[in-house]
Amino acid sequence: MKCLRSLSKKLFTFVCSLLGLHFLISCGNNDDDRIKLVSLYGMPGNYGQISGTIRGDVNGDGTTQPLANVKIYGDEDKPGSTDEKLILTTHEDGHYWISLWKNGEYTFRFVDGDGAENGQFKSQTKTFTFKEGTSQYNQDITLEKE
């Protein structure tokens, strides 16, 4: 009976780990009843983010508004990298959100992507220092007119 119970616990643990249902697995009070979890694989945990809104003076009246279609270049996988790749393009709200995975300095370039449609803006480069487990919100960028 004890052998059958042990086998059923192991089978239950294995099935739950395959289905990603680790919250259904609990540990017992002694070493015989402890259930060992199967190693997890897949995407690494997200260490933190940098986010904000990209704005510009579209009408030339001194007030800024969110800019759509701003392209953000950089390499969010490699701190200190000089390689540039397109990470994202902002929508109408001008908001950006970049997930970072490693400690270090990251440099991103913000480029007006729609030309004269909303006014032409100069590209801007900004460097962020990132430490694991931190997030930098409200990192707003204001692009200047050309």
C-alpha atoms as a PDB file:
ATOM      1  CA  MET A   1       0.000   0.000   0.000  1.00  0.00           C
ATOM      2  CA  LYS A   2       2.812   2.409   0.910  1.00  0.00           C
ATOM      3  CA  CYS A   3       4.572   1.602  -2.369  1.00  0.00           C
ATOM      4  CA  LEU A   4       1.369   2.297  -4.340  1.00  0.00           C
ATOM      5  CA  ARG A   5       0.884   5.631  -2.542  1.00  0.00           C
ATOM      6  CA  SER A   6       4.509   6.629  -3.249  1.00  0.00           C
ATOM      7  CA  LEU A   7       4.132   5.681  -6.905  1.00  0.00           C
ATOM      8  CA  SER A   8       0.889   7.644  -7.237  1.00  0.00           C
ATOM      9  CA  LYS A   9       2.533  10.756  -5.691  1.00  0.00           C
ATOM     10  CA  LYS A  10       5.425  10.531  -8.115  1.00  0.00           C
ATOM     11  CA  LEU A  11       3.063  10.102 -11.060  1.00  0.00           C
ATOM     12  CA  PHE A  12       0.925  13.035  -9.872  1.00  0.00           C
ATOM     13  CA  THR A  13       4.033  15.217  -9.473  1.00  0.00           C
ATOM     14  CA  PHE A  14       5.318  14.304 -12.903  1.00  0.00           C
ATOM     15  CA  VAL A  15       1.980  15.039 -14.624  1.00  0.00           C
ATOM     16  CA  CYS A  16       1.583  18.355 -12.760  1.00  0.00           C
ATOM     17  CA  SER A  17       5.101  19.441 -13.698  1.00  0.00           C
ATOM     18  CA  LEU A  18       4.470  18.608 -17.372  1.00  0.00           C
ATOM     19  CA  LEU A  19       1.272  20.654 -17.336  1.00  0.00           C
ATOM     20  CA  GLY A  20       2.864  23.555 -15.467  1.00  0.00           C
ATOM     21  CA  LEU A  21       0.610  23.068 -12.450  1.00  0.00           C
ATOM     22  CA  HIS A  22       3.279  23.405  -9.753  1.00  0.00           C
ATOM     23  CA  PHE A  23       0.852  25.111  -7.398  1.00  0.00           C
ATOM     24  CA  LEU A  24      -0.897  21.745  -6.933  1.00  0.00           C
ATOM     25  CA  ILE A  25       2.280  20.159  -5.551  1.00  0.00           C
ATOM     26  CA  SER A  26       3.098  20.541  -1.872  1.00  0.00           C
ATOM     27  CA  CYS A  27       5.813  19.182   0.345  1.00  0.00           C
ATOM     28  CA  GLY A  28       5.159  16.709   3.146  1.00  0.00           C
ATOM     29  CA  ASN A  29       6.440  16.837   6.702  1.00  0.00           C
ATOM     30  CA  ASN A  30       9.190  14.243   6.413  1.00  0.00           C
ATOM     31  CA  ASP A  31      11.787  13.236   3.850  1.00  0.00           C
ATOM     32  CA  ASP A  32       9.799  10.219   2.616  1.00  0.00           C
ATOM     33  CA  ASP A  33       6.793  12.379   1.728  1.00  0.00           C
ATOM     34  CA  ARG A  34       8.748  15.221   0.091  1.00  0.00           C
ATOM     35  CA  ILE A  35       8.012  15.618  -3.558  1.00  0.00           C
ATOM     36  CA  LYS A  36      10.850  16.909  -5.684  1.00  0.00           C
ATOM     37  CA  LEU A  37       9.926  19.238  -8.526  1.00  0.00           C
ATOM     38  CA  VAL A  38      11.090  18.581 -12.052  1.00  0.00           C
ATOM     39  CA  SER A  39      13.459  21.253 -13.414  1.00  0.00           C
ATOM     40  CA  LEU A  40      11.757  24.086 -15.237  1.00  0.00           C
ATOM     41  CA  TYR A  41      12.768  25.034 -18.761  1.00  0.00           C
ATOM     42  CA  GLY A  42      11.801  27.810 -21.138  1.00  0.00           C
ATOM     43  CA  MET A  43      11.989  31.586 -21.077  1.00  0.00           C
ATOM     44  CA  PRO A  44      14.172  33.069 -18.325  1.00  0.00           C
ATOM     45  CA  GLY A  45      12.565  35.220 -15.687  1.00  0.00           C
ATOM     46  CA  ASN A  46      12.099  38.862 -16.528  1.00  0.00           C
ATOM     47  CA  TYR A  47      14.546  40.845 -14.403  1.00  0.00           C
ATOM     48  CA  GLY A  48      13.099  44.298 -15.026  1.00  0.00           C
ATOM     49  CA  GLN A  49      11.854  46.886 -17.452  1.00  0.00           C
ATOM     50  CA  ILE A  50      12.442  50.360 -18.759  1.00  0.00           C
ATOM     51  CA  SER A  51       9.341  52.176 -19.905  1.00  0.00           C
ATOM     52  CA  GLY A  52       8.048  55.623 -20.655  1.00  0.00           C
ATOM     53  CA  THR A  53       6.411  57.798 -23.270  1.00  0.00           C
ATOM     54  CA  ILE A  54       8.056  59.409 -26.273  1.00  0.00           C
ATOM     55  CA  ARG A  55       6.774  62.923 -26.851  1.00  0.00           C
ATOM     56  CA  GLY A  56       7.348  65.829 -29.195  1.00  0.00           C
ATOM     57  CA  ASP A  57       6.016  69.280 -30.050  1.00  0.00           C
ATOM     58  CA  VAL A  58       3.975  68.399 -33.142  1.00  0.00           C
ATOM     59  CA  ASN A  59       2.216  71.766 -33.622  1.00  0.00           C
ATOM     60  CA  GLY A  60       5.107  74.036 -32.696  1.00  0.00           C
ATOM     61  CA  ASP A  61       3.088  75.628 -29.883  1.00  0.00           C
ATOM     62  CA  GLY A  62       5.406  74.536 -27.054  1.00  0.00           C
ATOM     63  CA  THR A  63       3.234  71.683 -25.781  1.00  0.00           C
ATOM     64  CA  THR A  64       4.314  68.109 -26.300  1.00  0.00           C
ATOM     65  CA  GLN A  65       2.155  65.139 -27.118  1.00  0.00           C
ATOM     66  CA  PRO A  66       2.828  61.417 -27.503  1.00  0.00           C
ATOM     67  CA  LEU A  67       4.512  60.459 -30.774  1.00  0.00           C
ATOM     68  CA  ALA A  68       3.393  57.476 -32.795  1.00  0.00           C
ATOM     69  CA  ASN A  69       5.678  55.441 -35.056  1.00  0.00           C
ATOM     70  CA  VAL A  70       8.921  56.205 -33.216  1.00  0.00           C
ATOM     71  CA  LYS A  71      11.369  53.385 -33.857  1.00  0.00           C
ATOM     72  CA  ILE A  72      13.582  52.233 -30.992  1.00  0.00           C
ATOM     73  CA  TYR A  73      16.915  50.646 -31.876  1.00  0.00           C
ATOM     74  CA  GLY A  74      19.374  48.886 -29.602  1.00  0.00           C
ATOM     75  CA  ASP A  75      20.106  45.455 -28.213  1.00  0.00           C
ATOM     76  CA  GLU A  76      18.150  44.587 -25.075  1.00  0.00           C
ATOM     77  CA  ASP A  77      19.886  41.190 -24.851  1.00  0.00           C
ATOM     78  CA  LYS A  78      23.474  42.469 -24.664  1.00  0.00           C
ATOM     79  CA  PRO A  79      24.441  45.330 -22.360  1.00  0.00           C
ATOM     80  CA  GLY A  80      27.172  47.532 -23.796  1.00  0.00           C
ATOM     81  CA  SER A  81      26.540  46.243 -27.314  1.00  0.00           C
ATOM     82  CA  THR A  82      27.004  48.592 -30.265  1.00  0.00           C
ATOM     83  CA  ASP A  83      24.858  46.352 -32.456  1.00  0.00           C
ATOM     84  CA  GLU A  84      21.551  47.959 -33.312  1.00  0.00           C
ATOM     85  CA  LYS A  85      18.383  46.163 -34.150  1.00  0.00           C
ATOM     86  CA  LEU A  86      14.833  47.424 -34.257  1.00  0.00           C
ATOM     87  CA  ILE A  87      13.253  46.586 -30.897  1.00  0.00           C
ATOM     88  CA  LEU A  88       9.839  48.184 -31.254  1.00  0.00           C
ATOM     89  CA  THR A  89       7.773  50.967 -32.806  1.00  0.00           C
ATOM     90  CA  THR A  90       5.463  53.085 -30.659  1.00  0.00           C
ATOM     91  CA  HIS A  91       1.698  53.202 -31.236  1.00  0.00           C
ATOM     92  CA  GLU A  92      -0.513  56.299 -30.994  1.00  0.00           C
ATOM     93  CA  ASP A  93       0.045  56.582 -27.228  1.00  0.00           C
ATOM     94  CA  GLY A  94       3.827  56.958 -27.697  1.00  0.00           C
ATOM     95  CA  HIS A  95       4.459  54.440 -24.931  1.00  0.00           C
ATOM     96  CA  TYR A  96       7.414  52.054 -24.947  1.00  0.00           C
ATOM     97  CA  TRP A  97       8.267  49.091 -22.697  1.00  0.00           C
ATOM     98  CA  ILE A  98      11.612  47.287 -22.957  1.00  0.00           C
ATOM     99  CA  SER A  99      12.326  44.135 -20.946  1.00  0.00           C
ATOM    100  CA  LEU A 100      15.931  43.699 -19.816  1.00  0.00           C
ATOM    101  CA  TRP A 101      17.596  40.450 -18.791  1.00  0.00           C
ATOM    102  CA  LYS A 102      21.175  41.292 -17.732  1.00  0.00           C
ATOM    103  CA  ASN A 103      22.918  43.911 -15.603  1.00  0.00           C
ATOM    104  CA  GLY A 104      24.763  46.672 -17.432  1.00  0.00           C
ATOM    105  CA  GLU A 105      24.438  49.802 -19.513  1.00  0.00           C
ATOM    106  CA  TYR A 106      22.041  49.769 -22.434  1.00  0.00           C
ATOM    107  CA  THR A 107      22.005  52.395 -25.161  1.00  0.00           C
ATOM    108  CA  PHE A 108      18.872  52.899 -27.231  1.00  0.00           C
ATOM    109  CA  ARG A 109      18.285  55.183 -30.201  1.00  0.00           C
ATOM    110  CA  PHE A 110      14.869  56.782 -30.697  1.00  0.00           C
ATOM    111  CA  VAL A 111      14.132  57.642 -34.357  1.00  0.00           C
ATOM    112  CA  ASP A 112      11.128  59.434 -35.872  1.00  0.00           C
ATOM    113  CA  GLY A 113       9.557  56.769 -38.053  1.00  0.00           C
ATOM    114  CA  ASP A 114       6.804  58.630 -39.929  1.00  0.00           C
ATOM    115  CA  GLY A 115       8.763  61.495 -41.475  1.00  0.00           C
ATOM    116  CA  ALA A 116       6.820  64.725 -42.051  1.00  0.00           C
ATOM    117  CA  GLU A 117       3.434  63.215 -41.074  1.00  0.00           C
ATOM    118  CA  ASN A 118       3.629  64.435 -37.446  1.00  0.00           C
ATOM    119  CA  GLY A 119       6.548  66.789 -37.954  1.00  0.00           C
ATOM    120  CA  GLN A 120      10.139  65.760 -38.377  1.00  0.00           C
ATOM    121  CA  PHE A 121      12.111  65.082 -35.215  1.00  0.00           C
ATOM    122  CA  LYS A 122      15.800  64.576 -34.518  1.00  0.00           C
ATOM    123  CA  SER A 123      16.973  61.143 -33.398  1.00  0.00           C
ATOM    124  CA  GLN A 124      17.957  60.880 -29.768  1.00  0.00           C
ATOM    125  CA  THR A 125      20.214  58.378 -28.005  1.00  0.00           C
ATOM    126  CA  LYS A 126      19.823  57.557 -24.327  1.00  0.00           C
ATOM    127  CA  THR A 127      21.799  55.219 -22.073  1.00  0.00           C
ATOM    128  CA  PHE A 128      20.201  53.432 -19.130  1.00  0.00           C
ATOM    129  CA  THR A 129      22.062  51.644 -16.333  1.00  0.00           C
ATOM    130  CA  PHE A 130      20.207  48.523 -15.319  1.00  0.00           C
ATOM    131  CA  LYS A 131      20.584  46.394 -12.180  1.00  0.00           C
ATOM    132  CA  GLU A 132      18.780  43.080 -11.777  1.00  0.00           C
ATOM    133  CA  GLY A 133      15.397  43.288 -10.117  1.00  0.00           C
ATOM    134  CA  THR A 134      14.888  46.989 -10.766  1.00  0.00           C
ATOM    135  CA  SER A 135      12.526  48.704 -13.126  1.00  0.00           C
ATOM    136  CA  GLN A 136      12.713  52.240 -14.439  1.00  0.00           C
ATOM    137  CA  TYR A 137       9.271  53.604 -15.168  1.00  0.00           C
ATOM    138  CA  ASN A 138       8.365  57.060 -16.517  1.00  0.00           C
ATOM    139  CA  GLN A 139      11.580  57.324 -18.518  1.00  0.00           C
ATOM    140  CA  ASP A 140       9.965  59.823 -20.875  1.00  0.00           C
ATOM    141  CA  ILE A 141      11.851  60.968 -23.962  1.00  0.00           C
ATOM    142  CA  THR A 142      11.157  64.294 -25.689  1.00  0.00           C
ATOM    143  CA  LEU A 143      12.344  64.488 -29.282  1.00  0.00           C
ATOM    144  CA  GLU A 144      13.300  67.884 -30.672  1.00  0.00           C
ATOM    145  CA  LYS A 145      12.135  69.196 -34.043  1.00  0.00           C
ATOM    146  CA  GLU A 146      14.601  69.172 -36.915  1.00  0.00           C
END
